[in-house]
Amino acid sequence: MRVNALAILLSVLVGTGVAQQPAESHMGLPQDWSTRHVLFTNGASPEIVAAAERDPRYFINWMLRSAGSLAPPTPTSHPPQLGLQTDWAMSLGPTGGMPVGETPAKYSFNVNGTPSCANDFVVFTVAAAPSATQANIVAFNNLYTGTTSSFCPFGPQTPPTTDYTQPTFMWSYAVGNNQAYLSPVLSLDGTKVAFVEGTNPAAFYVLTWVSGQGTDATHPVVPGAGGSSVATVNFTSTAVAGCPANASADSNSSAYVDYINDTAYVGADNGVLYRITGVFHGVPALQYCITVNAGKLLTSPVYDSIHNEVFVSDGYSVYGYTPGAAGFTLVKSIAVASAAGTDPIVLSPIVDPTNGFVYVFSRDDATNKDSIVSQINEVLTSQSVAIIGLKNGQYILDGDFDNAYYTTGPKAGAGTLYACGTDANNGNKPSLYALSFAAPNGVMNAAPAMSDDRHINPAANPNGTCSSLLDFFDGTTDRLFVGVGADAATTGGNQVTEWNVNTRIPSNATLPNNTAIGYWGGTSAFSVDNVSTEPQAASIYFGTLSAPPGGTTTPCGAGNFCAVKLTQSGLQ
């Protein structure tokens, strides 16, 4: 089964023209923010499956969900992994870290083998201006190390030592002129990284990296020597036919790469949606654009390759566009949040082409009163809204779906969507909600199945905001991860909780299974990697959102933002 699945994947990658080199004895697995924004579930029609099989993300999603059956046998001589704890924390410098709501990108070198110390890596963008003493994009390898054990056979230092507690800076770059506060995207073979420099005028970069360049986050290099390079598209300040220059920042819109056509979609604060060609296999260039809503901050777009439609939000409504040879065509739009709010939707729509739904998370609704999750039919003509607390004082970020949503599906009335909303009595205090679905149409029920579980925060339940949520099924246990930060006026918070969601969280009195603390400002979004019994090789990755106040420290040193790895599993 494992060999056949990988053979199918390889044939798809080669058949779509996106393979960057001849077939080798390994098959890598890239994942980034976009991996969880297009859902492929069981129960699709033959026509949907046939269309989905052209998209590499279909197989990336399948392999992540099937990781328990794909994982090769591993030695049993190692002690079992311990619980939710900091395996390592590395400094990203004192100026900035992985930004709020954004996701590190993880590359696994061989999905059909043991996790690789040398070739698996994770990429963090850094919200700091690049300079000789500050990187704005870095990568780590030798990931599977920790304070208790490691199966990596070498130490990260140069020369090697017996210290197995930290990873290695694989590379560290100062790219362009401004901070990178959006999520990176990997090529299928992992050799290139696309990301956006968001400060006006926004720029789209494709970085070809070389291992060993740059020492750490405060000793980067400028790419351009030894085989490294950067291709740049100043997409908001460049004019092409039908697309005038309109220089702008980009606050909320990470690039979405369509691997099939080697194109990228990205928005900006001018309310314009752009299409860039030649991303990983040519010379990146702006092809065309369209004004969605002038002057509005666009979210990241998501491309549904099955229906050839790009979905994006202007912070208030969701829009669908068909990309053609010469431009975008508006399909439909639907209002979600009140125009009286201020950018209530900040992250990308989540698109489920299998069941025909689009999901967005908003800090206010049409009445500018409540935080909501909106499930919209994919033709954008109707929606079901669930209230998840009072209007939020900052923002509502993405929730995530449990394993039952993928395996049985909402149209069978199965599955749960977990979302972090607010306390029913206070819009500044975060709280966890569970949303359910009704057969036979899969419509989300307006009344949450579980409301207002405040145990994602300490007992004092201080003010703060949740990260995006992450659900990961390891073949046995379905786990939900939630990061929470506290505001400067309170203590507590700044933690990650882990929940066993093999069955839906039953009530708001339910406690998390594990908690890890000490992450100042809360956490960025999470990336996840392997299912493995090797010590430290089954992990989640994220960044801290602030440097600590005076007199306190982070796990990566006083005054620094951190890149962090935790074990996936609960205490054993």
Protein backbone atom coordinates (compact mmCIF):
# COMPACT_ATOMS: atom_id res chain seq x y z
CA MET A 1 0.00 0.00 0.00
CA ARG A 2 2.76 2.44 0.92
CA VAL A 3 4.77 1.83 -2.27
CA ASN A 4 1.73 2.04 -4.53
CA ALA A 5 0.54 5.31 -2.99
CA LEU A 6 3.94 6.91 -3.42
CA ALA A 7 4.20 5.64 -6.98
CA ILE A 8 0.85 7.26 -7.76
CA LEU A 9 2.03 10.52 -6.21
CA LEU A 10 5.25 10.47 -8.22
CA SER A 11 3.38 9.86 -11.45
CA VAL A 12 1.06 12.78 -10.68
CA LEU A 13 3.95 15.14 -9.94
CA VAL A 14 5.76 14.16 -13.13
CA GLY A 15 2.56 14.17 -15.17
CA THR A 16 1.69 17.73 -14.16
CA GLY A 17 5.11 18.98 -15.14
CA VAL A 18 6.04 20.09 -11.65
CA ALA A 19 8.75 17.54 -10.85
CA GLN A 20 11.99 19.47 -10.51
CA GLN A 21 14.33 16.56 -11.10
CA PRO A 22 14.24 12.90 -12.24
CA ALA A 23 12.59 10.39 -9.96
CA GLU A 24 14.77 9.48 -6.99
CA SER A 25 14.62 6.86 -4.27
CA HIS A 26 12.79 9.19 -1.91
CA MET A 27 9.60 11.25 -2.01
CA GLY A 28 9.51 14.46 -0.01
CA LEU A 29 6.51 15.97 1.69
CA PRO A 30 6.18 19.78 1.82
CA GLN A 31 3.57 21.40 4.02
CA ASP A 32 2.84 25.02 4.80
CA TRP A 33 -0.08 27.32 5.65
CA SER A 34 -1.98 26.30 2.50
CA THR A 35 -1.94 22.57 3.30
CA ARG A 36 -4.85 22.92 5.75
CA HIS A 37 -6.77 25.44 3.68
CA VAL A 38 -7.88 22.98 1.00
CA LEU A 39 -9.67 19.92 2.41
CA PHE A 40 -10.02 16.57 0.65
CA THR A 41 -12.30 14.17 2.51
CA ASN A 42 -13.70 10.71 1.95
CA GLY A 43 -17.02 10.36 0.19
CA ALA A 44 -16.25 12.38 -2.93
CA SER A 45 -17.91 11.58 -6.23
CA PRO A 46 -15.77 9.85 -8.90
CA GLU A 47 -15.69 13.12 -10.84
CA ILE A 48 -14.35 15.06 -7.85
CA VAL A 49 -11.74 12.38 -7.09
CA ALA A 50 -10.57 12.35 -10.71
CA ALA A 51 -10.14 16.14 -10.67
CA ALA A 52 -8.52 16.14 -7.22
CA GLU A 53 -5.90 13.58 -8.24
CA ARG A 54 -4.28 16.15 -10.51
CA ASP A 55 -3.47 18.35 -7.52
CA PRO A 56 -0.36 17.45 -5.47
CA ARG A 57 -2.09 18.83 -2.36
CA TYR A 58 -4.59 15.99 -2.62
CA PHE A 59 -1.80 13.50 -2.01
CA ILE A 60 -0.03 15.69 0.53
CA ASN A 61 -3.28 15.76 2.52
CA TRP A 62 -3.79 12.02 2.04
CA MET A 63 -0.29 11.19 3.27
CA LEU A 64 -0.64 13.43 6.33
CA ARG A 65 -3.95 11.81 7.27
CA SER A 66 -2.63 8.32 6.50
CA ALA A 67 0.66 8.82 8.32
CA GLY A 68 -0.08 6.12 10.85
CA SER A 69 -0.32 3.47 8.15
CA LEU A 70 2.61 4.87 6.15
CA ALA A 71 5.10 5.14 9.00
CA PRO A 72 7.84 2.51 8.64
CA PRO A 73 8.75 0.21 11.53
CA THR A 74 11.07 1.86 14.03
CA PRO A 75 13.40 0.38 16.63
CA THR A 76 11.97 -0.34 20.04
CA SER A 77 15.20 0.17 21.96
CA HIS A 78 14.48 3.84 22.60
CA PRO A 79 12.50 5.00 25.63
CA PRO A 80 8.99 6.30 24.90
CA GLN A 81 8.53 9.99 24.14
CA LEU A 82 7.52 12.12 27.06
CA GLY A 83 4.65 14.55 27.10
CA LEU A 84 3.88 18.00 25.76
CA GLN A 85 7.12 19.79 26.50
CA THR A 86 9.68 22.08 24.92
CA ASP A 87 12.12 19.85 23.06
CA TRP A 88 14.04 22.89 21.92
CA ALA A 89 13.64 26.65 21.52
CA MET A 90 15.92 28.64 19.21
CA SER A 91 16.34 32.40 19.11
CA LEU A 92 14.96 34.29 16.12
CA GLY A 93 16.55 37.46 17.48
CA PRO A 94 15.32 40.33 19.66
CA THR A 95 13.47 42.28 16.95
CA GLY A 96 10.71 39.99 15.73
CA GLY A 97 9.54 36.41 15.40
CA MET A 98 7.17 34.18 13.45
CA PRO A 99 4.15 36.47 13.03
CA VAL A 100 0.70 36.01 14.55
CA GLY A 101 -1.57 33.70 12.55
CA GLU A 102 1.27 32.60 10.26
CA THR A 103 2.65 29.07 9.83
CA PRO A 104 6.19 27.68 9.60
CA ALA A 105 6.79 25.47 6.55
CA LYS A 106 7.99 21.89 7.15
CA TYR A 107 9.76 19.63 4.64
CA SER A 108 10.05 15.89 5.26
CA PHE A 109 12.66 14.39 2.94
CA ASN A 110 11.32 10.85 2.70
CA VAL A 111 7.74 9.99 3.62
CA ASN A 112 8.54 6.32 3.06
CA GLY A 113 11.46 6.15 5.50
CA THR A 114 12.79 7.11 8.89
CA PRO A 115 12.74 10.87 9.61
CA SER A 116 15.99 12.42 8.37
CA CYS A 117 18.23 14.42 10.70
CA ALA A 118 20.13 16.03 7.84
CA ASN A 119 17.42 16.54 5.21
CA ASP A 120 14.18 17.28 7.08
CA PHE A 121 13.87 20.97 7.85
CA VAL A 122 11.48 23.69 9.00
CA VAL A 123 11.36 27.29 7.71
CA PHE A 124 10.42 30.34 9.79
CA THR A 125 9.85 33.83 8.43
CA VAL A 126 10.81 36.62 10.84
CA ALA A 127 8.92 39.88 11.33
CA ALA A 128 12.12 41.92 11.53
CA ALA A 129 13.88 44.22 9.06
CA PRO A 130 16.77 42.29 7.49
CA SER A 131 20.30 43.48 8.19
CA ALA A 132 23.81 42.22 8.82
CA THR A 133 22.66 41.34 12.35
CA GLN A 134 19.09 40.13 11.73
CA ALA A 135 17.64 37.49 9.39
CA ASN A 136 14.09 37.65 8.08
CA ILE A 137 13.94 34.00 6.99
CA VAL A 138 15.73 30.98 8.52
CA ALA A 139 15.61 27.18 8.41
CA PHE A 140 16.58 24.48 10.91
CA ASN A 141 17.55 20.85 10.39
CA ASN A 142 18.73 18.22 12.88
CA LEU A 143 15.21 18.74 14.21
CA TYR A 144 14.75 15.55 16.19
CA THR A 145 16.66 16.60 19.26
CA GLY A 146 15.48 17.49 22.74
CA THR A 147 16.30 17.85 26.39
CA THR A 148 15.59 14.18 27.13
CA SER A 149 16.75 12.20 24.10
CA SER A 150 17.52 12.22 20.39
CA PHE A 151 17.91 9.67 17.65
CA CYS A 152 20.04 12.01 15.50
CA PRO A 153 23.56 10.55 15.50
CA PHE A 154 25.41 13.84 15.67
CA GLY A 155 25.40 17.05 17.67
CA PRO A 156 24.32 20.33 16.08
CA GLN A 157 27.45 22.29 16.92
CA THR A 158 30.48 22.77 14.71
CA PRO A 159 32.57 20.82 15.40
CA PRO A 160 30.08 18.15 16.55
CA THR A 161 29.69 17.64 20.26
CA THR A 162 27.64 15.39 22.48
CA ASP A 163 25.03 18.12 22.99
CA TYR A 164 21.88 16.76 21.32
CA THR A 165 19.51 19.34 22.76
CA GLN A 166 19.35 21.82 19.88
CA PRO A 167 18.84 21.74 16.12
CA THR A 168 21.16 23.29 13.55
CA PHE A 169 20.61 26.52 11.66
CA MET A 170 20.48 25.00 8.17
CA TRP A 171 20.58 28.47 6.64
CA SER A 172 19.84 32.08 7.61
CA TYR A 173 19.18 34.90 5.14
CA ALA A 174 18.56 38.62 5.09
CA VAL A 175 16.36 39.03 2.00
CA GLY A 176 15.22 42.36 0.58
CA ASN A 177 14.68 45.44 2.68
CA ASN A 178 11.77 44.77 5.01
CA GLN A 179 10.29 42.30 7.45
CA ALA A 180 8.69 39.03 6.34
CA TYR A 181 5.52 38.78 8.38
CA LEU A 182 3.61 36.31 6.22
CA SER A 183 3.88 32.53 5.78
CA PRO A 184 6.47 30.77 3.58
CA VAL A 185 5.54 28.23 0.88
CA LEU A 186 7.79 25.36 -0.25
CA SER A 187 8.39 23.94 -3.69
CA LEU A 188 7.50 20.26 -4.02
CA ASP A 189 11.14 19.20 -3.83
CA GLY A 190 11.92 21.63 -0.99
CA THR A 191 14.75 23.39 -2.83
CA LYS A 192 12.93 26.74 -3.08
CA VAL A 193 10.84 28.89 -0.74
CA ALA A 194 8.33 31.54 -1.82
CA PHE A 195 7.33 34.30 0.60
CA VAL A 196 6.10 37.88 0.71
CA GLU A 197 7.78 40.99 2.09
CA GLY A 198 4.73 42.87 3.26
CA THR A 199 5.91 46.46 3.74
CA ASN A 200 4.99 48.99 1.05
CA PRO A 201 5.68 48.23 -1.73
CA ALA A 202 5.05 44.54 -1.16
CA ALA A 203 7.39 42.10 -2.88
CA PHE A 204 7.08 38.41 -3.76
CA TYR A 205 10.32 36.43 -3.38
CA VAL A 206 11.41 32.99 -4.53
CA LEU A 207 14.50 31.96 -2.57
CA THR A 208 16.83 29.21 -3.75
CA TRP A 209 18.72 28.27 -0.60
CA VAL A 210 22.05 26.61 0.08
CA SER A 211 22.68 24.68 3.26
CA GLY A 212 25.32 26.19 5.54
CA GLN A 213 24.81 29.81 4.52
CA GLY A 214 24.30 32.01 7.59
CA THR A 215 25.23 31.09 11.15
CA ASP A 216 22.11 31.97 13.15
CA ALA A 217 19.27 34.50 13.21
CA THR A 218 21.60 37.38 14.09
CA HIS A 219 24.35 36.35 11.66
CA PRO A 220 22.59 35.92 8.30
CA VAL A 221 23.94 36.26 4.79
CA VAL A 222 22.48 37.93 1.71
CA PRO A 223 21.65 35.28 -0.90
CA GLY A 224 23.42 35.51 -4.23
CA ALA A 225 26.64 33.56 -3.83
CA GLY A 226 27.52 29.89 -3.75
CA GLY A 227 24.39 28.82 -5.63
CA SER A 228 21.79 30.72 -3.59
CA SER A 229 19.61 33.30 -5.33
CA VAL A 230 16.44 35.34 -5.02
CA ALA A 231 13.92 36.14 -7.75
CA THR A 232 11.76 39.19 -6.97
CA VAL A 233 8.38 40.42 -8.21
CA ASN A 234 7.29 43.85 -6.95
CA PHE A 235 3.71 42.90 -7.65
CA THR A 236 1.90 45.98 -6.32
CA SER A 237 4.21 48.54 -7.95
CA THR A 238 4.55 46.82 -11.35
CA ALA A 239 2.20 47.55 -14.25
CA VAL A 240 1.13 44.96 -16.82
CA ALA A 241 -1.67 45.09 -19.37
CA GLY A 242 -4.94 45.83 -17.57
CA CYS A 243 -3.20 45.98 -14.20
CA PRO A 244 -1.85 49.44 -13.32
CA ALA A 245 0.84 49.93 -10.70
CA ASN A 246 -0.78 50.51 -7.30
CA ALA A 247 1.99 50.40 -4.70
CA SER A 248 0.76 48.97 -1.41
CA ALA A 249 1.69 47.02 1.66
CA ASP A 250 0.47 43.46 2.20
CA SER A 251 -0.61 42.85 5.80
CA ASN A 252 -2.68 39.66 5.64
CA SER A 253 -2.13 37.85 2.34
CA SER A 254 0.40 35.02 2.10
CA ALA A 255 0.98 33.63 -1.36
CA TYR A 256 -0.89 30.50 -2.46
CA VAL A 257 1.03 28.44 -5.03
CA ASP A 258 -0.85 26.37 -7.59
CA TYR A 259 1.68 23.59 -8.21
CA ILE A 260 -0.12 22.30 -11.31
CA ASN A 261 0.27 25.54 -13.27
CA ASP A 262 3.33 26.93 -11.38
CA THR A 263 1.41 30.09 -10.52
CA ALA A 264 0.87 32.04 -7.32
CA TYR A 265 -2.08 34.08 -6.09
CA VAL A 266 -1.57 36.87 -3.58
CA GLY A 267 -3.53 39.91 -2.39
CA ALA A 268 -2.55 43.26 -0.90
CA ASP A 269 -3.85 46.12 1.24
CA ASN A 270 -4.94 48.01 -1.88
CA GLY A 271 -7.75 45.47 -2.31
CA VAL A 272 -6.19 43.95 -5.45
CA LEU A 273 -5.76 40.23 -6.18
CA TYR A 274 -2.67 39.27 -8.26
CA ARG A 275 -1.56 36.24 -10.28
CA ILE A 276 2.16 35.50 -10.69
CA THR A 277 3.53 32.94 -13.16
CA GLY A 278 6.78 30.96 -13.36
CA VAL A 279 7.02 30.59 -9.59
CA PHE A 280 9.29 27.56 -9.09
CA HIS A 281 10.04 26.46 -12.68
CA GLY A 282 10.56 29.64 -14.60
CA VAL A 283 11.12 33.34 -14.06
CA PRO A 284 8.48 34.72 -11.67
CA ALA A 285 6.48 37.54 -13.28
CA LEU A 286 3.23 39.38 -12.68
CA GLN A 287 0.63 38.19 -15.20
CA TYR A 288 -2.57 40.05 -14.29
CA CYS A 289 -4.70 41.34 -11.42
CA ILE A 290 -8.20 42.46 -10.44
CA THR A 291 -9.52 44.92 -7.87
CA VAL A 292 -11.65 43.01 -5.37
CA ASN A 293 -12.55 45.97 -3.14
CA ALA A 294 -10.35 49.05 -3.43
CA GLY A 295 -8.43 49.94 -0.28
CA LYS A 296 -9.44 46.84 1.70
CA LEU A 297 -6.92 44.42 3.23
CA LEU A 298 -7.22 41.12 1.39
CA THR A 299 -6.67 37.77 3.07
CA SER A 300 -4.57 35.02 1.59
CA PRO A 301 -6.33 33.57 -1.47
CA VAL A 302 -7.02 29.84 -1.87
CA TYR A 303 -7.17 28.16 -5.27
CA ASP A 304 -9.62 25.27 -5.73
CA SER A 305 -8.09 23.35 -8.65
CA ILE A 306 -11.12 21.03 -8.87
CA HIS A 307 -13.48 23.85 -9.79
CA ASN A 308 -10.85 26.33 -11.07
CA GLU A 309 -11.83 29.03 -8.61
CA VAL A 310 -9.89 31.38 -6.33
CA PHE A 311 -11.51 32.33 -3.01
CA VAL A 312 -10.45 35.44 -1.09
CA SER A 313 -11.90 37.80 1.50
CA ASP A 314 -11.67 41.57 1.78
CA GLY A 315 -12.18 41.24 5.54
CA TYR A 316 -15.98 41.46 5.29
CA SER A 317 -17.15 39.32 2.35
CA VAL A 318 -15.94 36.23 0.50
CA TYR A 319 -15.36 36.40 -3.27
CA GLY A 320 -14.90 33.68 -5.88
CA TYR A 321 -12.96 34.30 -9.12
CA THR A 322 -12.21 32.12 -12.12
CA PRO A 323 -8.64 32.63 -13.36
CA GLY A 324 -8.39 32.50 -17.13
CA ALA A 325 -5.72 32.99 -19.77
CA ALA A 326 -6.01 36.77 -19.65
CA GLY A 327 -7.59 37.68 -16.31
CA PHE A 328 -9.94 36.98 -13.42
CA THR A 329 -13.71 36.68 -13.79
CA LEU A 330 -15.90 37.28 -10.74
CA VAL A 331 -18.12 34.29 -10.05
CA LYS A 332 -19.95 35.43 -6.93
CA SER A 333 -19.52 37.17 -3.58
CA ILE A 334 -21.32 36.91 -0.25
CA ALA A 335 -21.30 39.23 2.77
CA VAL A 336 -20.27 37.71 6.11
CA ALA A 337 -19.42 40.46 8.60
CA SER A 338 -20.65 43.97 9.34
CA ALA A 339 -19.14 46.82 7.36
CA ALA A 340 -19.01 48.70 10.65
CA GLY A 341 -16.25 46.39 11.90
CA THR A 342 -12.53 46.77 11.28
CA ASP A 343 -11.10 43.93 9.20
CA PRO A 344 -13.04 41.23 11.08
CA ILE A 345 -11.76 38.41 8.79
CA VAL A 346 -7.95 38.33 8.72
CA LEU A 347 -7.08 34.79 7.60
CA SER A 348 -7.82 32.93 4.41
CA PRO A 349 -11.01 31.00 3.66
CA ILE A 350 -10.78 27.22 4.17
CA VAL A 351 -12.13 25.48 1.08
CA ASP A 352 -13.65 21.98 1.10
CA PRO A 353 -14.27 21.15 -2.58
CA THR A 354 -15.18 17.54 -1.72
CA ASN A 355 -18.32 18.57 0.18
CA GLY A 356 -18.79 21.96 -1.49
CA PHE A 357 -18.16 24.33 1.45
CA VAL A 358 -16.07 27.39 2.27
CA TYR A 359 -15.35 28.36 5.91
CA VAL A 360 -14.29 31.70 7.38
CA PHE A 361 -13.70 32.85 10.95
CA SER A 362 -14.66 36.39 11.89
CA ARG A 363 -14.41 38.51 15.02
CA ASP A 364 -17.82 40.01 14.31
CA ASP A 365 -20.99 39.06 12.48
CA ALA A 366 -23.48 40.94 10.31
CA THR A 367 -24.74 42.80 13.40
CA ASN A 368 -21.23 43.73 14.61
CA LYS A 369 -21.99 41.96 17.89
CA ASP A 370 -20.71 38.37 17.97
CA SER A 371 -17.68 36.35 16.89
CA ILE A 372 -18.68 33.73 14.34
CA VAL A 373 -17.78 30.83 12.11
CA SER A 374 -19.46 30.98 8.71
CA GLN A 375 -19.93 27.90 6.54
CA ILE A 376 -20.74 29.03 2.98
CA ASN A 377 -21.82 26.85 0.09
CA GLU A 378 -19.14 26.87 -2.59
CA VAL A 379 -21.29 28.76 -5.09
CA LEU A 380 -21.50 31.57 -2.49
CA THR A 381 -25.27 31.84 -2.36
CA SER A 382 -26.01 30.84 1.24
CA GLN A 383 -24.30 30.39 4.59
CA SER A 384 -24.78 28.88 8.02
CA VAL A 385 -23.45 30.92 10.95
CA ALA A 386 -22.46 29.71 14.41
CA ILE A 387 -21.83 32.22 17.19
CA ILE A 388 -18.65 31.53 19.17
CA GLY A 389 -18.86 34.25 21.83
CA LEU A 390 -18.99 38.00 21.92
CA LYS A 391 -17.23 40.22 19.38
CA ASN A 392 -13.49 39.79 19.82
CA GLY A 393 -11.29 42.75 20.73
CA GLN A 394 -8.46 41.62 18.44
CA TYR A 395 -9.17 38.83 15.92
CA ILE A 396 -10.51 35.32 15.46
CA LEU A 397 -8.09 32.91 13.75
CA ASP A 398 -8.65 29.56 12.05
CA GLY A 399 -10.15 26.55 13.73
CA ASP A 400 -9.52 22.98 12.56
CA PHE A 401 -11.45 19.80 11.79
CA ASP A 402 -11.17 16.47 13.58
CA ASN A 403 -10.35 13.18 11.90
CA ALA A 404 -14.03 12.14 11.69
CA TYR A 405 -14.71 15.10 9.38
CA TYR A 406 -12.28 13.57 6.86
CA THR A 407 -13.11 9.89 7.29
CA THR A 408 -16.91 9.92 7.67
CA GLY A 409 -17.79 13.45 6.68
CA PRO A 410 -20.26 16.22 7.45
CA LYS A 411 -22.89 14.90 5.05
CA ALA A 412 -23.17 11.83 7.27
CA GLY A 413 -23.62 14.17 10.23
CA ALA A 414 -20.11 13.31 11.45
CA GLY A 415 -17.06 15.35 12.33
CA THR A 416 -16.34 18.36 14.50
CA LEU A 417 -14.94 21.79 13.70
CA TYR A 418 -13.12 23.24 16.70
CA ALA A 419 -12.85 27.03 16.93
CA CYS A 420 -11.41 29.44 19.43
CA GLY A 421 -13.95 32.17 20.11
CA THR A 422 -14.51 34.23 23.21
CA ASP A 423 -15.94 33.95 26.68
CA ALA A 424 -19.72 34.26 26.53
CA ASN A 425 -19.45 37.22 28.92
CA ASN A 426 -16.24 38.90 27.76
CA GLY A 427 -15.02 39.37 24.19
CA ASN A 428 -11.42 39.79 25.35
CA LYS A 429 -11.13 36.33 26.94
CA PRO A 430 -10.59 33.32 24.66
CA SER A 431 -12.70 30.17 24.85
CA LEU A 432 -13.01 26.90 22.93
CA TYR A 433 -16.06 25.80 20.91
CA ALA A 434 -17.03 22.59 19.06
CA LEU A 435 -19.29 22.82 16.00
CA SER A 436 -21.21 19.92 14.45
CA PHE A 437 -22.91 19.10 11.14
CA ALA A 438 -26.30 17.81 10.04
CA ALA A 439 -27.03 14.97 7.63
CA PRO A 440 -27.73 14.66 4.77
CA ASN A 441 -26.42 17.99 3.44
CA GLY A 442 -23.51 18.57 5.82
CA VAL A 443 -24.75 21.99 6.87
CA MET A 444 -23.08 23.29 10.04
CA ASN A 445 -25.43 23.51 12.99
CA ALA A 446 -25.93 27.05 14.27
CA ALA A 447 -25.87 25.95 17.93
CA PRO A 448 -22.40 24.76 19.00
CA ALA A 449 -22.23 21.18 20.22
CA MET A 450 -19.91 22.39 23.00
CA SER A 451 -19.64 26.03 24.07
CA ASP A 452 -17.29 28.20 26.05
CA ASP A 453 -14.61 25.88 27.44
CA ARG A 454 -12.27 28.34 29.13
CA HIS A 455 -9.68 25.74 30.10
CA ILE A 456 -7.53 26.64 27.11
CA ASN A 457 -6.37 29.37 29.50
CA PRO A 458 -5.42 29.05 33.20
CA ALA A 459 -8.09 29.14 35.87
CA ALA A 460 -7.89 32.94 36.06
CA ASN A 461 -8.87 33.03 32.36
CA PRO A 462 -6.95 36.24 31.54
CA ASN A 463 -7.48 38.39 28.49
CA GLY A 464 -5.72 37.10 25.41
CA THR A 465 -6.06 35.61 21.95
CA CYS A 466 -5.83 32.09 20.55
CA SER A 467 -3.55 30.89 17.82
CA SER A 468 -4.91 29.09 14.82
CA LEU A 469 -5.82 25.56 15.94
CA LEU A 470 -4.22 22.33 14.76
CA ASP A 471 -5.75 18.85 14.67
CA PHE A 472 -3.54 15.86 13.89
CA PHE A 473 -4.45 12.16 13.82
CA ASP A 474 -1.46 9.85 14.34
CA GLY A 475 -3.24 6.62 13.42
CA THR A 476 -4.38 6.02 17.00
CA THR A 477 -5.04 9.33 18.73
CA ASP A 478 -6.69 12.43 17.31
CA ARG A 479 -5.12 15.48 19.00
CA LEU A 480 -6.08 19.14 19.03
CA PHE A 481 -3.48 21.83 19.81
CA VAL A 482 -4.36 25.35 20.98
CA GLY A 483 -1.94 28.21 21.68
CA VAL A 484 -3.05 31.12 23.88
CA GLY A 485 -1.33 34.39 24.71
CA ALA A 486 -2.09 36.78 27.56
CA ASP A 487 -2.13 40.55 27.35
CA ALA A 488 0.55 42.62 29.07
CA ALA A 489 -1.71 43.50 32.01
CA THR A 490 -2.23 39.93 33.18
CA THR A 491 -0.25 36.93 34.23
CA GLY A 492 -0.77 33.37 33.09
CA GLY A 493 -1.68 32.30 29.58
CA ASN A 494 1.21 32.11 27.12
CA GLN A 495 0.73 28.37 26.77
CA VAL A 496 -0.14 25.46 24.50
CA THR A 497 -2.81 22.94 25.43
CA GLU A 498 -3.30 19.48 23.91
CA TRP A 499 -6.69 17.73 23.83
CA ASN A 500 -7.59 14.14 22.95
CA VAL A 501 -10.48 14.47 20.48
CA ASN A 502 -11.02 10.84 19.48
CA THR A 503 -14.50 11.72 20.66
CA ARG A 504 -15.89 15.25 20.68
CA ILE A 505 -15.04 17.33 23.75
CA PRO A 506 -18.24 16.75 25.75
CA SER A 507 -18.62 19.87 27.88
CA ASN A 508 -17.08 23.18 28.84
CA ALA A 509 -15.88 21.56 32.06
CA THR A 510 -13.47 19.33 30.15
CA LEU A 511 -9.78 19.88 30.90
CA PRO A 512 -6.92 19.55 28.40
CA ASN A 513 -4.84 16.38 28.49
CA ASN A 514 -1.53 18.27 28.55
CA THR A 515 -0.24 21.82 28.90
CA ALA A 516 3.08 23.45 28.07
CA ILE A 517 3.78 26.98 29.33
CA GLY A 518 6.16 29.88 28.91
CA TYR A 519 5.55 31.11 25.35
CA TRP A 520 5.49 34.88 25.59
CA GLY A 521 2.70 36.60 23.69
CA GLY A 522 1.23 33.24 22.69
CA THR A 523 2.07 31.29 19.57
CA SER A 524 2.01 31.56 15.82
CA ALA A 525 0.11 28.90 13.88
CA PHE A 526 1.47 25.35 14.07
CA SER A 527 3.12 22.94 11.64
CA VAL A 528 3.23 19.22 12.36
CA ASP A 529 5.51 16.46 11.17
CA ASN A 530 5.96 12.71 11.50
CA VAL A 531 4.19 9.82 13.12
CA SER A 532 7.16 8.10 14.71
CA THR A 533 8.20 6.28 17.86
CA GLU A 534 11.73 7.65 17.49
CA PRO A 535 12.52 10.08 20.31
CA GLN A 536 11.61 13.70 19.40
CA ALA A 537 10.56 12.78 15.83
CA ALA A 538 6.82 13.44 16.21
CA SER A 539 6.51 17.16 16.77
CA ILE A 540 4.74 20.48 16.29
CA TYR A 541 6.55 23.73 15.44
CA PHE A 542 5.63 27.35 16.12
CA GLY A 543 7.02 30.75 17.06
CA THR A 544 6.47 32.97 20.09
CA LEU A 545 4.77 36.29 19.44
CA SER A 546 6.66 38.64 21.73
CA ALA A 547 9.88 39.12 23.63
CA PRO A 548 9.39 38.87 27.41
CA PRO A 549 9.02 41.90 29.64
CA GLY A 550 12.07 43.12 31.55
CA GLY A 551 13.43 40.74 34.17
CA THR A 552 12.01 37.59 32.58
CA THR A 553 13.30 35.24 29.92
CA THR A 554 12.05 33.07 27.10
CA PRO A 555 13.09 29.46 26.57
CA CYS A 556 15.58 30.78 23.98
CA GLY A 557 17.22 33.53 26.05
CA ALA A 558 16.40 36.90 27.53
CA GLY A 559 14.77 39.38 25.17
CA ASN A 560 14.40 37.00 22.22
CA PHE A 561 11.58 35.70 20.07
CA CYS A 562 11.69 31.90 19.82
CA ALA A 563 11.23 29.14 17.29
CA VAL A 564 9.90 26.19 19.29
CA LYS A 565 9.42 22.43 18.86
CA LEU A 566 7.14 20.36 21.12
CA THR A 567 6.45 16.64 21.09
CA GLN A 568 3.02 15.73 19.71
CA SER A 569 2.18 13.05 22.18
CA GLY A 570 0.70 13.21 25.65
CA LEU A 571 2.37 11.78 28.74
CA GLN A 572 2.96 8.06 28.47
